[in-house]
Amino acid sequence: VEASTVMIPRTDALDQVSGEYVYSYPPGVPILVPGERITEKVLQYLERAEREERALRYSRSEAFPGKLACVSTGDAPRLVSLKPKHSIYDFGK
């Protein structure tokens, strides 16, 4: 994503566009990628992962606990939103 980003409290990040990678390490599988719309399922997953003390890595907001790097509002309309057929958060249910 070539867009300016701002640090937003995670509690306000619903429906924002991610400006960073967020992944669980190990194994290093992305939970969020730049350009992806932040959904309620993603926020719930991040909250649960932190509660369970899983190691989460943030490519831009690592130094800002409780915040996510999101695309600035002025840059967001230029992004294309692709809706996947399935979500990694749906598996195991």
Protein backbone atom coordinates (compact mmCIF):
# COMPACT_ATOMS: atom_id res chain seq x y z
CA VAL A 1 0.00 0.00 0.00
CA GLU A 2 1.50 3.28 -1.05
CA ALA A 3 -0.59 5.57 1.08
CA SER A 4 -0.06 7.63 4.18
CA THR A 5 -0.99 5.92 7.42
CA VAL A 6 -2.14 7.08 10.82
CA MET A 7 -2.08 5.26 14.15
CA ILE A 8 -5.64 4.57 15.29
CA PRO A 9 -6.71 2.99 18.58
CA ARG A 10 -7.72 -0.59 17.83
CA THR A 11 -11.13 0.12 19.39
CA ASP A 12 -11.76 2.68 16.59
CA ALA A 13 -10.30 0.65 13.71
CA LEU A 14 -13.49 -1.14 12.58
CA ASP A 15 -14.03 -0.64 8.81
CA GLN A 16 -10.71 1.18 8.42
CA VAL A 17 -8.17 0.03 5.82
CA SER A 18 -5.05 -1.62 7.22
CA GLY A 19 -1.78 0.11 6.46
CA GLU A 20 0.41 -2.65 7.88
CA TYR A 21 1.01 -6.35 8.23
CA VAL A 22 -0.12 -7.98 11.46
CA TYR A 23 0.88 -11.59 11.96
CA SER A 24 1.21 -14.23 14.61
CA TYR A 25 4.74 -15.49 15.03
CA PRO A 26 5.30 -18.37 14.98
CA PRO A 27 4.20 -19.46 12.39
CA GLY A 28 4.29 -16.05 10.66
CA VAL A 29 0.90 -16.24 8.92
CA PRO A 30 -0.60 -12.77 8.24
CA ILE A 31 -3.74 -11.81 10.13
CA LEU A 32 -3.97 -8.45 8.35
CA VAL A 33 -2.24 -7.21 5.20
CA PRO A 34 -1.96 -3.66 3.86
CA GLY A 35 -5.09 -2.66 1.96
CA GLU A 36 -7.38 -5.10 3.78
CA ARG A 37 -10.55 -3.77 5.40
CA ILE A 38 -10.50 -4.28 9.19
CA THR A 39 -13.56 -6.28 10.22
CA GLU A 40 -15.13 -7.15 13.55
CA LYS A 41 -13.84 -10.73 13.16
CA VAL A 42 -10.26 -9.49 12.76
CA LEU A 43 -10.54 -7.24 15.83
CA GLN A 44 -12.02 -10.08 17.89
CA TYR A 45 -9.23 -12.40 16.73
CA LEU A 46 -6.53 -9.87 17.72
CA GLU A 47 -8.15 -9.34 21.12
CA ARG A 48 -8.37 -13.09 21.76
CA ALA A 49 -4.78 -13.65 20.60
CA GLU A 50 -3.48 -10.99 22.99
CA ARG A 51 -5.62 -12.33 25.83
CA GLU A 52 -4.11 -15.78 25.22
CA GLU A 53 -0.65 -14.15 25.13
CA ARG A 54 0.17 -15.24 21.59
CA ALA A 55 3.10 -13.43 19.99
CA LEU A 56 1.69 -10.85 17.57
CA ARG A 57 3.93 -8.77 15.30
CA TYR A 58 2.98 -5.45 13.74
CA SER A 59 4.97 -4.05 10.80
CA ARG A 60 4.32 -0.37 11.67
CA SER A 61 2.53 -0.02 15.02
CA GLU A 62 4.78 -2.28 17.13
CA ALA A 63 5.87 0.72 19.25
CA PHE A 64 2.26 1.89 19.75
CA PRO A 65 0.47 -0.68 21.96
CA GLY A 66 -3.28 -0.88 21.35
CA LYS A 67 -3.07 0.92 18.00
CA LEU A 68 -3.11 -0.14 14.36
CA ALA A 69 -1.60 1.64 11.36
CA CYS A 70 -4.51 2.50 9.08
CA VAL A 71 -4.62 4.22 5.70
CA SER A 72 -5.41 7.93 6.00
CA THR A 73 -9.02 8.73 5.13
CA GLY A 74 -8.02 10.76 2.06
CA ASP A 75 -6.11 7.81 0.57
CA ALA A 76 -8.64 5.06 1.34
CA PRO A 77 -11.04 5.59 -1.62
CA ARG A 78 -8.25 4.77 -4.09
CA LEU A 79 -7.89 1.26 -2.73
CA VAL A 80 -9.65 -1.71 -4.25
CA SER A 81 -11.47 -3.88 -1.75
CA LEU A 82 -11.56 -7.57 -2.60
CA LYS A 83 -13.91 -9.74 -0.60
CA PRO A 84 -12.54 -13.27 -0.22
CA LYS A 85 -14.88 -16.22 -0.54
CA HIS A 86 -13.66 -17.58 2.81
CA SER A 87 -11.85 -16.07 5.76
CA ILE A 88 -9.13 -17.68 7.86
CA TYR A 89 -11.25 -16.67 10.85
CA ASP A 90 -14.09 -18.98 9.71
CA PHE A 91 -12.09 -22.20 9.90
CA GLY A 92 -12.40 -24.50 12.87
CA LYS A 93 -16.04 -23.64 13.55
